[in-house]
Amino acid sequence: MMTEFGAASIDFAYPWWLGYGHLPVLMIAACLLIVGSKRKWPTSVRFLLLSLVVWSGAALLVERFVFDINGVPPLPTQTFLSSGLGRVLDIGAGTGRSSIMVLRSRPEATLVALDLFGHSFDEHFGHSETPQQKLLANLKTAGVDRRATITTADMRKLPFEGASFDAIVSAYAMDHLNRSGTDQALAEAARVLKPGGDFLLMLIANEKWAKFTFGPLLSHGGFRGATWWMAHVRQAGFQVNEQGTYPLTFYLLARRNPLSADFVKPDLSLP
């Protein structure tokens, strides 16, 4: 049985501005608004400061209580690995947010958490300890480390034999790649997934709440929208069975074609 844990005890090591970046803006704008009101600053200036106060306060509430980036999210769909059993690969596991999400929701599954843990990881999560140590500490805190292993590898060249996994999840990772790299990663995911296995792809959603709260700061994938992702997921050898949105997230639930275990080479001519 999995142990209970508190979200506050897990450190996903996201940059401070994702969770609290609106707070200094709110405080500074509020102080200036108070000063400006007392000194009768021009109405246009006070209106601008009031707008900053309203935006930063509302955005802080949205981030903390709608997105909750530093919390462990629920699975966006319960259809993923509905049997509850099997070996799961987390592609681009980072500090473990998606790995813990899966292992908490599927307590009889095992998981391989894979990441390159390279320079981009340090840019996102800092240098205080090795990336593997950060990930392992979070898995232990969540009480799921005995069902997880960590592998350091490139998602564009997975070090596993074909049809090695019952399910795959990738959350906010493939949209960091350029377009040809994304096609390579999708093709590798198809190669190592068993025919009929589930593939849950989670991406940063291009939605109004994300734009309101973070603006262009979260722009994974550039201008690649849902249509682009569905076309390339299908082209890699998957059947898209479900799509939807979750706060800050667009997800696709796909299934490896059960009629063929053959690897499908990506068509890099796709836009």
C-alpha atoms as a PDB file:
ATOM      1  CA  MET A   1       0.000   0.000   0.000  1.00  0.00           C
ATOM      2  CA  MET A   2       1.256   3.429  -0.896  1.00  0.00           C
ATOM      3  CA  THR A   3       1.949   5.806   1.957  1.00  0.00           C
ATOM      4  CA  GLU A   4       0.159   9.119   2.319  1.00  0.00           C
ATOM      5  CA  PHE A   5       2.150  12.260   1.751  1.00  0.00           C
ATOM      6  CA  GLY A   6       1.706  16.006   1.743  1.00  0.00           C
ATOM      7  CA  ALA A   7       2.244  18.013  -1.412  1.00  0.00           C
ATOM      8  CA  ALA A   8       4.184  20.631   0.579  1.00  0.00           C
ATOM      9  CA  SER A   9       6.887  18.085   1.417  1.00  0.00           C
ATOM     10  CA  ILE A  10       7.687  17.420  -2.228  1.00  0.00           C
ATOM     11  CA  ASP A  11       9.974  19.887  -3.994  1.00  0.00           C
ATOM     12  CA  PHE A  12       9.625  19.876  -7.761  1.00  0.00           C
ATOM     13  CA  ALA A  13      12.196  22.698  -7.863  1.00  0.00           C
ATOM     14  CA  TYR A  14      10.369  24.832 -10.390  1.00  0.00           C
ATOM     15  CA  PRO A  15      11.658  28.430 -10.656  1.00  0.00           C
ATOM     16  CA  TRP A  16      10.225  30.758  -8.039  1.00  0.00           C
ATOM     17  CA  TRP A  17       8.493  32.972 -10.581  1.00  0.00           C
ATOM     18  CA  LEU A  18       6.150  30.143 -11.648  1.00  0.00           C
ATOM     19  CA  GLY A  19       4.670  29.917  -8.175  1.00  0.00           C
ATOM     20  CA  TYR A  20       5.239  33.330  -6.626  1.00  0.00           C
ATOM     21  CA  GLY A  21       6.352  35.666  -9.408  1.00  0.00           C
ATOM     22  CA  HIS A  22       3.108  37.628  -9.230  1.00  0.00           C
ATOM     23  CA  LEU A  23       3.538  38.375  -5.526  1.00  0.00           C
ATOM     24  CA  PRO A  24       6.303  41.031  -5.794  1.00  0.00           C
ATOM     25  CA  VAL A  25       4.416  42.681  -8.665  1.00  0.00           C
ATOM     26  CA  LEU A  26       1.288  42.780  -6.489  1.00  0.00           C
ATOM     27  CA  MET A  27       3.136  44.236  -3.490  1.00  0.00           C
ATOM     28  CA  ILE A  28       5.019  46.905  -5.448  1.00  0.00           C
ATOM     29  CA  ALA A  29       1.973  47.957  -7.463  1.00  0.00           C
ATOM     30  CA  ALA A  30      -0.201  48.096  -4.318  1.00  0.00           C
ATOM     31  CA  CYS A  31       2.363  50.256  -2.464  1.00  0.00           C
ATOM     32  CA  LEU A  32       2.697  52.628  -5.416  1.00  0.00           C
ATOM     33  CA  LEU A  33      -1.084  52.833  -5.737  1.00  0.00           C
ATOM     34  CA  ILE A  34      -1.380  53.842  -2.081  1.00  0.00           C
ATOM     35  CA  VAL A  35       1.321  56.480  -2.481  1.00  0.00           C
ATOM     36  CA  GLY A  36      -0.199  57.723  -5.741  1.00  0.00           C
ATOM     37  CA  SER A  37      -3.649  57.996  -4.206  1.00  0.00           C
ATOM     38  CA  LYS A  38      -2.337  60.088  -1.307  1.00  0.00           C
ATOM     39  CA  ARG A  39      -0.297  62.350  -3.563  1.00  0.00           C
ATOM     40  CA  LYS A  40      -2.990  62.679  -6.211  1.00  0.00           C
ATOM     41  CA  TRP A  41      -0.997  61.232  -9.074  1.00  0.00           C
ATOM     42  CA  PRO A  42      -2.624  61.458 -12.529  1.00  0.00           C
ATOM     43  CA  THR A  43      -5.700  59.299 -12.964  1.00  0.00           C
ATOM     44  CA  SER A  44      -4.104  57.385 -15.849  1.00  0.00           C
ATOM     45  CA  VAL A  45      -1.137  56.384 -13.660  1.00  0.00           C
ATOM     46  CA  ARG A  46      -3.357  55.269 -10.798  1.00  0.00           C
ATOM     47  CA  PHE A  47      -5.564  53.318 -13.200  1.00  0.00           C
ATOM     48  CA  LEU A  48      -2.477  51.533 -14.568  1.00  0.00           C
ATOM     49  CA  LEU A  49      -1.327  50.665 -11.047  1.00  0.00           C
ATOM     50  CA  LEU A  50      -4.825  49.452 -10.137  1.00  0.00           C
ATOM     51  CA  SER A  51      -4.828  47.254 -13.238  1.00  0.00           C
ATOM     52  CA  LEU A  52      -1.500  45.740 -12.163  1.00  0.00           C
ATOM     53  CA  VAL A  53      -2.863  45.067  -8.684  1.00  0.00           C
ATOM     54  CA  VAL A  54      -5.984  43.368 -10.044  1.00  0.00           C
ATOM     55  CA  TRP A  55      -4.060  41.311 -12.621  1.00  0.00           C
ATOM     56  CA  SER A  56      -1.236  40.172 -10.336  1.00  0.00           C
ATOM     57  CA  GLY A  57      -3.632  39.323  -7.498  1.00  0.00           C
ATOM     58  CA  ALA A  58      -5.980  37.363  -9.737  1.00  0.00           C
ATOM     59  CA  ALA A  59      -3.102  35.626 -11.534  1.00  0.00           C
ATOM     60  CA  LEU A  60      -1.572  34.617  -8.182  1.00  0.00           C
ATOM     61  CA  LEU A  61      -4.874  33.036  -7.140  1.00  0.00           C
ATOM     62  CA  VAL A  62      -5.196  31.236 -10.476  1.00  0.00           C
ATOM     63  CA  GLU A  63      -1.661  29.851 -10.238  1.00  0.00           C
ATOM     64  CA  ARG A  64      -2.040  28.694  -6.637  1.00  0.00           C
ATOM     65  CA  PHE A  65      -5.574  27.270  -6.735  1.00  0.00           C
ATOM     66  CA  VAL A  66      -6.216  26.401 -10.409  1.00  0.00           C
ATOM     67  CA  PHE A  67      -2.858  25.359 -11.845  1.00  0.00           C
ATOM     68  CA  ASP A  68      -0.986  24.412  -8.622  1.00  0.00           C
ATOM     69  CA  ILE A  69       2.260  23.857 -10.501  1.00  0.00           C
ATOM     70  CA  ASN A  70       4.063  22.691  -7.372  1.00  0.00           C
ATOM     71  CA  GLY A  71       1.376  20.130  -6.509  1.00  0.00           C
ATOM     72  CA  VAL A  72       0.918  16.574  -7.770  1.00  0.00           C
ATOM     73  CA  PRO A  73      -1.840  16.605 -10.412  1.00  0.00           C
ATOM     74  CA  PRO A  74      -4.440  13.894 -10.888  1.00  0.00           C
ATOM     75  CA  LEU A  75      -4.432  11.907 -14.098  1.00  0.00           C
ATOM     76  CA  PRO A  76      -6.273  14.002 -16.692  1.00  0.00           C
ATOM     77  CA  THR A  77      -8.107  10.856 -17.840  1.00  0.00           C
ATOM     78  CA  GLN A  78      -8.876   7.640 -15.979  1.00  0.00           C
ATOM     79  CA  THR A  79      -8.823   5.719 -19.268  1.00  0.00           C
ATOM     80  CA  PHE A  80      -5.019   5.677 -19.181  1.00  0.00           C
ATOM     81  CA  LEU A  81      -3.799   2.201 -18.128  1.00  0.00           C
ATOM     82  CA  SER A  82      -7.301   1.444 -16.891  1.00  0.00           C
ATOM     83  CA  SER A  83      -6.266  -2.107 -15.903  1.00  0.00           C
ATOM     84  CA  GLY A  84      -4.021  -0.546 -13.250  1.00  0.00           C
ATOM     85  CA  LEU A  85      -1.284  -3.042 -14.059  1.00  0.00           C
ATOM     86  CA  GLY A  86       1.858  -2.915 -16.134  1.00  0.00           C
ATOM     87  CA  ARG A  87       5.191  -1.273 -16.754  1.00  0.00           C
ATOM     88  CA  VAL A  88       5.049   2.445 -17.526  1.00  0.00           C
ATOM     89  CA  LEU A  89       7.686   4.688 -19.115  1.00  0.00           C
ATOM     90  CA  ASP A  90       7.725   8.373 -18.159  1.00  0.00           C
ATOM     91  CA  ILE A  91       9.513  10.215 -20.978  1.00  0.00           C
ATOM     92  CA  GLY A  92      11.008  13.459 -19.696  1.00  0.00           C
ATOM     93  CA  ALA A  93      10.312  12.736 -16.031  1.00  0.00           C
ATOM     94  CA  GLY A  94      12.096  15.817 -14.686  1.00  0.00           C
ATOM     95  CA  THR A  95      11.781  16.019 -10.906  1.00  0.00           C
ATOM     96  CA  GLY A  96       8.983  13.447 -10.808  1.00  0.00           C
ATOM     97  CA  ARG A  97       5.676  15.309 -11.031  1.00  0.00           C
ATOM     98  CA  SER A  98       4.239  13.076 -13.779  1.00  0.00           C
ATOM     99  CA  SER A  99       5.875   9.920 -12.375  1.00  0.00           C
ATOM    100  CA  ILE A 100       4.241  10.429  -8.984  1.00  0.00           C
ATOM    101  CA  MET A 101       0.958  11.268 -10.713  1.00  0.00           C
ATOM    102  CA  VAL A 102       0.951   7.879 -12.452  1.00  0.00           C
ATOM    103  CA  LEU A 103       2.233   5.803  -9.535  1.00  0.00           C
ATOM    104  CA  ARG A 104      -0.231   7.369  -7.116  1.00  0.00           C
ATOM    105  CA  SER A 105      -3.146   6.779  -9.504  1.00  0.00           C
ATOM    106  CA  ARG A 106      -2.032   3.268 -10.483  1.00  0.00           C
ATOM    107  CA  PRO A 107      -0.714   1.689  -7.239  1.00  0.00           C
ATOM    108  CA  GLU A 108      -0.040  -1.700  -8.846  1.00  0.00           C
ATOM    109  CA  ALA A 109       2.019  -0.361 -11.752  1.00  0.00           C
ATOM    110  CA  THR A 110       5.795   0.046 -11.987  1.00  0.00           C
ATOM    111  CA  LEU A 111       7.519   2.904 -13.749  1.00  0.00           C
ATOM    112  CA  VAL A 112      10.779   3.859 -15.428  1.00  0.00           C
ATOM    113  CA  ALA A 113      11.460   7.588 -15.053  1.00  0.00           C
ATOM    114  CA  LEU A 114      13.601   8.723 -17.983  1.00  0.00           C
ATOM    115  CA  ASP A 115      15.234  12.066 -18.616  1.00  0.00           C
ATOM    116  CA  LEU A 116      18.408  13.313 -20.245  1.00  0.00           C
ATOM    117  CA  PHE A 117      19.146  15.334 -17.077  1.00  0.00           C
ATOM    118  CA  GLY A 118      21.309  17.666 -19.147  1.00  0.00           C
ATOM    119  CA  HIS A 119      21.966  21.383 -19.358  1.00  0.00           C
ATOM    120  CA  SER A 120      18.306  22.294 -19.900  1.00  0.00           C
ATOM    121  CA  PHE A 121      17.420  20.436 -16.701  1.00  0.00           C
ATOM    122  CA  ASP A 122      19.842  22.561 -14.688  1.00  0.00           C
ATOM    123  CA  GLU A 123      18.400  25.709 -16.283  1.00  0.00           C
ATOM    124  CA  HIS A 124      14.939  24.737 -15.082  1.00  0.00           C
ATOM    125  CA  PHE A 125      15.688  23.170 -11.712  1.00  0.00           C
ATOM    126  CA  GLY A 126      19.014  24.547 -10.449  1.00  0.00           C
ATOM    127  CA  HIS A 127      22.368  23.069  -9.417  1.00  0.00           C
ATOM    128  CA  SER A 128      22.019  22.349  -5.696  1.00  0.00           C
ATOM    129  CA  GLU A 129      22.105  18.579  -6.214  1.00  0.00           C
ATOM    130  CA  THR A 130      22.149  16.154  -9.115  1.00  0.00           C
ATOM    131  CA  PRO A 131      18.906  15.840 -11.095  1.00  0.00           C
ATOM    132  CA  GLN A 132      18.702  12.144 -10.257  1.00  0.00           C
ATOM    133  CA  GLN A 133      18.942  12.979  -6.536  1.00  0.00           C
ATOM    134  CA  LYS A 134      16.099  15.491  -6.831  1.00  0.00           C
ATOM    135  CA  LEU A 135      13.930  12.962  -8.604  1.00  0.00           C
ATOM    136  CA  LEU A 136      14.725  10.114  -6.219  1.00  0.00           C
ATOM    137  CA  ALA A 137      14.077  12.294  -3.153  1.00  0.00           C
ATOM    138  CA  ASN A 138      10.608  13.173  -4.463  1.00  0.00           C
ATOM    139  CA  LEU A 139       9.803   9.551  -5.280  1.00  0.00           C
ATOM    140  CA  LYS A 140      10.832   8.544  -1.751  1.00  0.00           C
ATOM    141  CA  THR A 141       8.794  11.321  -0.160  1.00  0.00           C
ATOM    142  CA  ALA A 142       5.766  10.181  -2.146  1.00  0.00           C
ATOM    143  CA  GLY A 143       6.346   6.606  -1.000  1.00  0.00           C
ATOM    144  CA  VAL A 144       6.581   5.240  -4.559  1.00  0.00           C
ATOM    145  CA  ASP A 145      10.336   4.821  -5.015  1.00  0.00           C
ATOM    146  CA  ARG A 146      10.174   1.016  -4.658  1.00  0.00           C
ATOM    147  CA  ARG A 147       8.054   0.854  -7.793  1.00  0.00           C
ATOM    148  CA  ALA A 148      10.229   3.208  -9.836  1.00  0.00           C
ATOM    149  CA  THR A 149      13.646   3.172 -11.469  1.00  0.00           C
ATOM    150  CA  ILE A 150      15.558   6.081 -12.997  1.00  0.00           C
ATOM    151  CA  THR A 151      17.213   6.000 -16.417  1.00  0.00           C
ATOM    152  CA  THR A 152      19.354   8.732 -17.965  1.00  0.00           C
ATOM    153  CA  ALA A 153      18.819   8.817 -21.734  1.00  0.00           C
ATOM    154  CA  ASP A 154      17.699  10.924 -24.688  1.00  0.00           C
ATOM    155  CA  MET A 155      13.992  10.574 -25.522  1.00  0.00           C
ATOM    156  CA  ARG A 156      14.941  10.662 -29.210  1.00  0.00           C
ATOM    157  CA  LYS A 157      16.940   7.444 -28.832  1.00  0.00           C
ATOM    158  CA  LEU A 158      15.431   5.300 -26.102  1.00  0.00           C
ATOM    159  CA  PRO A 159      17.689   2.542 -24.695  1.00  0.00           C
ATOM    160  CA  PHE A 160      14.967  -0.117 -24.639  1.00  0.00           C
ATOM    161  CA  GLU A 161      13.964  -2.984 -26.857  1.00  0.00           C
ATOM    162  CA  GLY A 162      10.800  -2.754 -28.891  1.00  0.00           C
ATOM    163  CA  ALA A 163       7.453  -3.363 -27.186  1.00  0.00           C
ATOM    164  CA  SER A 164       8.996  -3.091 -23.691  1.00  0.00           C
ATOM    165  CA  PHE A 165       6.256  -1.061 -21.981  1.00  0.00           C
ATOM    166  CA  ASP A 166       2.540  -1.423 -21.333  1.00  0.00           C
ATOM    167  CA  ALA A 167       1.995   2.335 -21.224  1.00  0.00           C
ATOM    168  CA  ILE A 168       3.893   5.600 -21.726  1.00  0.00           C
ATOM    169  CA  VAL A 169       3.359   9.072 -20.313  1.00  0.00           C
ATOM    170  CA  SER A 170       5.139  12.244 -21.375  1.00  0.00           C
ATOM    171  CA  ALA A 171       4.232  15.504 -19.657  1.00  0.00           C
ATOM    172  CA  TYR A 172       5.480  18.925 -20.784  1.00  0.00           C
ATOM    173  CA  ALA A 173       8.640  17.420 -22.259  1.00  0.00           C
ATOM    174  CA  MET A 174       8.271  16.683 -25.980  1.00  0.00           C
ATOM    175  CA  ASP A 175       7.102  20.227 -26.636  1.00  0.00           C
ATOM    176  CA  HIS A 176      10.589  21.409 -25.612  1.00  0.00           C
ATOM    177  CA  LEU A 177      12.002  19.721 -28.734  1.00  0.00           C
ATOM    178  CA  ASN A 178      12.122  21.159 -32.218  1.00  0.00           C
ATOM    179  CA  ARG A 179       9.790  19.641 -34.783  1.00  0.00           C
ATOM    180  CA  SER A 180      12.131  16.997 -36.155  1.00  0.00           C
ATOM    181  CA  GLY A 181      13.166  16.048 -32.616  1.00  0.00           C
ATOM    182  CA  THR A 182       9.522  15.723 -31.626  1.00  0.00           C
ATOM    183  CA  ASP A 183       8.895  13.325 -34.517  1.00  0.00           C
ATOM    184  CA  GLN A 184      11.898  11.243 -33.460  1.00  0.00           C
ATOM    185  CA  ALA A 185      10.661  11.105 -29.859  1.00  0.00           C
ATOM    186  CA  LEU A 186       7.140  10.126 -30.919  1.00  0.00           C
ATOM    187  CA  ALA A 187       8.510   7.398 -33.180  1.00  0.00           C
ATOM    188  CA  GLU A 188      10.669   6.043 -30.367  1.00  0.00           C
ATOM    189  CA  ALA A 189       7.667   6.039 -28.036  1.00  0.00           C
ATOM    190  CA  ALA A 190       5.751   3.986 -30.604  1.00  0.00           C
ATOM    191  CA  ARG A 191       8.661   1.585 -30.969  1.00  0.00           C
ATOM    192  CA  VAL A 192       9.013   0.727 -27.271  1.00  0.00           C
ATOM    193  CA  LEU A 193       5.278   0.582 -26.518  1.00  0.00           C
ATOM    194  CA  LYS A 194       3.478  -2.740 -26.776  1.00  0.00           C
ATOM    195  CA  PRO A 195       0.770  -2.995 -29.447  1.00  0.00           C
ATOM    196  CA  GLY A 196      -2.462  -1.840 -27.833  1.00  0.00           C
ATOM    197  CA  GLY A 197      -0.590   0.072 -25.121  1.00  0.00           C
ATOM    198  CA  ASP A 198      -1.659   3.546 -23.975  1.00  0.00           C
ATOM    199  CA  PHE A 199       0.292   6.731 -24.660  1.00  0.00           C
ATOM    200  CA  LEU A 200      -0.663   9.787 -22.598  1.00  0.00           C
ATOM    201  CA  LEU A 201       0.861  12.966 -24.042  1.00  0.00           C
ATOM    202  CA  MET A 202       0.450  16.092 -21.906  1.00  0.00           C
ATOM    203  CA  LEU A 203       1.361  19.520 -23.284  1.00  0.00           C
ATOM    204  CA  ILE A 204       1.174  23.136 -22.173  1.00  0.00           C
ATOM    205  CA  ALA A 205      -2.266  24.315 -23.289  1.00  0.00           C
ATOM    206  CA  ASN A 206      -2.640  27.434 -25.376  1.00  0.00           C
ATOM    207  CA  GLU A 207      -5.657  28.536 -23.341  1.00  0.00           C
ATOM    208  CA  LYS A 208      -6.954  31.835 -21.989  1.00  0.00           C
ATOM    209  CA  TRP A 209      -6.101  31.057 -18.344  1.00  0.00           C
ATOM    210  CA  ALA A 210      -2.473  30.333 -19.235  1.00  0.00           C
ATOM    211  CA  LYS A 211      -2.200  33.494 -21.307  1.00  0.00           C
ATOM    212  CA  PHE A 212      -3.819  35.568 -18.562  1.00  0.00           C
ATOM    213  CA  THR A 213      -1.547  34.218 -15.841  1.00  0.00           C
ATOM    214  CA  PHE A 214       1.816  33.742 -17.551  1.00  0.00           C
ATOM    215  CA  GLY A 215       1.610  35.451 -20.932  1.00  0.00           C
ATOM    216  CA  PRO A 216       4.401  34.226 -23.233  1.00  0.00           C
ATOM    217  CA  LEU A 217       6.525  32.787 -20.393  1.00  0.00           C
ATOM    218  CA  LEU A 218       5.120  29.283 -20.931  1.00  0.00           C
ATOM    219  CA  SER A 219       5.318  28.764 -24.678  1.00  0.00           C
ATOM    220  CA  HIS A 220       6.446  25.173 -25.098  1.00  0.00           C
ATOM    221  CA  GLY A 221       6.031  24.004 -28.667  1.00  0.00           C
ATOM    222  CA  GLY A 222       5.784  27.452 -30.200  1.00  0.00           C
ATOM    223  CA  PHE A 223       2.758  27.669 -32.464  1.00  0.00           C
ATOM    224  CA  ARG A 224       2.136  23.929 -32.707  1.00  0.00           C
ATOM    225  CA  GLY A 225      -1.498  23.454 -31.850  1.00  0.00           C
ATOM    226  CA  ALA A 226      -3.771  20.492 -31.204  1.00  0.00           C
ATOM    227  CA  THR A 227      -4.185  19.728 -34.925  1.00  0.00           C
ATOM    228  CA  TRP A 228      -0.411  19.543 -35.433  1.00  0.00           C
ATOM    229  CA  TRP A 229       0.105  17.257 -32.463  1.00  0.00           C
ATOM    230  CA  MET A 230      -2.713  14.900 -33.415  1.00  0.00           C
ATOM    231  CA  ALA A 231      -1.408  14.592 -36.975  1.00  0.00           C
ATOM    232  CA  HIS A 232       2.126  13.784 -35.845  1.00  0.00           C
ATOM    233  CA  VAL A 233       1.005  11.377 -33.119  1.00  0.00           C
ATOM    234  CA  ARG A 234      -1.059   9.471 -35.693  1.00  0.00           C
ATOM    235  CA  GLN A 235       1.780   9.537 -38.186  1.00  0.00           C
ATOM    236  CA  ALA A 236       4.088   7.945 -35.584  1.00  0.00           C
ATOM    237  CA  GLY A 237       1.816   4.893 -35.423  1.00  0.00           C
ATOM    238  CA  PHE A 238      -0.790   5.732 -32.800  1.00  0.00           C
ATOM    239  CA  GLN A 239      -4.560   5.881 -32.799  1.00  0.00           C
ATOM    240  CA  VAL A 240      -5.809   8.970 -30.970  1.00  0.00           C
ATOM    241  CA  ASN A 241      -8.717   7.849 -28.787  1.00  0.00           C
ATOM    242  CA  GLU A 242      -9.241  10.870 -26.553  1.00  0.00           C
ATOM    243  CA  GLN A 243      -8.277  14.498 -26.260  1.00  0.00           C
ATOM    244  CA  GLY A 244      -9.109  17.134 -23.730  1.00  0.00           C
ATOM    245  CA  THR A 245      -7.934  19.965 -21.545  1.00  0.00           C
ATOM    246  CA  TYR A 246      -7.029  20.221 -17.907  1.00  0.00           C
ATOM    247  CA  PRO A 247      -5.929  23.487 -16.280  1.00  0.00           C
ATOM    248  CA  LEU A 248      -2.746  24.537 -18.128  1.00  0.00           C
ATOM    249  CA  THR A 249      -2.745  21.194 -19.988  1.00  0.00           C
ATOM    250  CA  PHE A 250      -3.843  19.847 -23.350  1.00  0.00           C
ATOM    251  CA  TYR A 251      -3.672  16.069 -23.465  1.00  0.00           C
ATOM    252  CA  LEU A 252      -3.946  13.309 -26.029  1.00  0.00           C
ATOM    253  CA  LEU A 253      -4.618   9.697 -25.081  1.00  0.00           C
ATOM    254  CA  ALA A 254      -3.441   7.465 -27.918  1.00  0.00           C
ATOM    255  CA  ARG A 255      -3.053   3.747 -28.392  1.00  0.00           C
ATOM    256  CA  ARG A 256      -0.390   1.817 -30.275  1.00  0.00           C
ATOM    257  CA  ASN A 257      -1.981   0.092 -33.230  1.00  0.00           C
ATOM    258  CA  PRO A 258      -2.806  -3.407 -31.877  1.00  0.00           C
ATOM    259  CA  LEU A 259      -2.750  -4.952 -35.353  1.00  0.00           C
ATOM    260  CA  SER A 260       0.935  -4.374 -35.925  1.00  0.00           C
ATOM    261  CA  ALA A 261       4.043  -4.249 -33.771  1.00  0.00           C
ATOM    262  CA  ASP A 262       6.127  -2.824 -36.595  1.00  0.00           C
ATOM    263  CA  PHE A 263       7.998   0.390 -36.008  1.00  0.00           C
ATOM    264  CA  VAL A 264       6.621   3.255 -38.076  1.00  0.00           C
ATOM    265  CA  LYS A 265       9.335   5.525 -39.437  1.00  0.00           C
ATOM    266  CA  PRO A 266       8.372   9.174 -39.096  1.00  0.00           C
ATOM    267  CA  ASP A 267       7.625  11.199 -42.214  1.00  0.00           C
ATOM    268  CA  LEU A 268       9.781  14.254 -41.584  1.00  0.00           C
ATOM    269  CA  SER A 269       8.144  16.043 -44.529  1.00  0.00           C
ATOM    270  CA  LEU A 270       5.086  16.748 -42.388  1.00  0.00           C
ATOM    271  CA  PRO A 271       4.846  20.439 -41.492  1.00  0.00           C
END
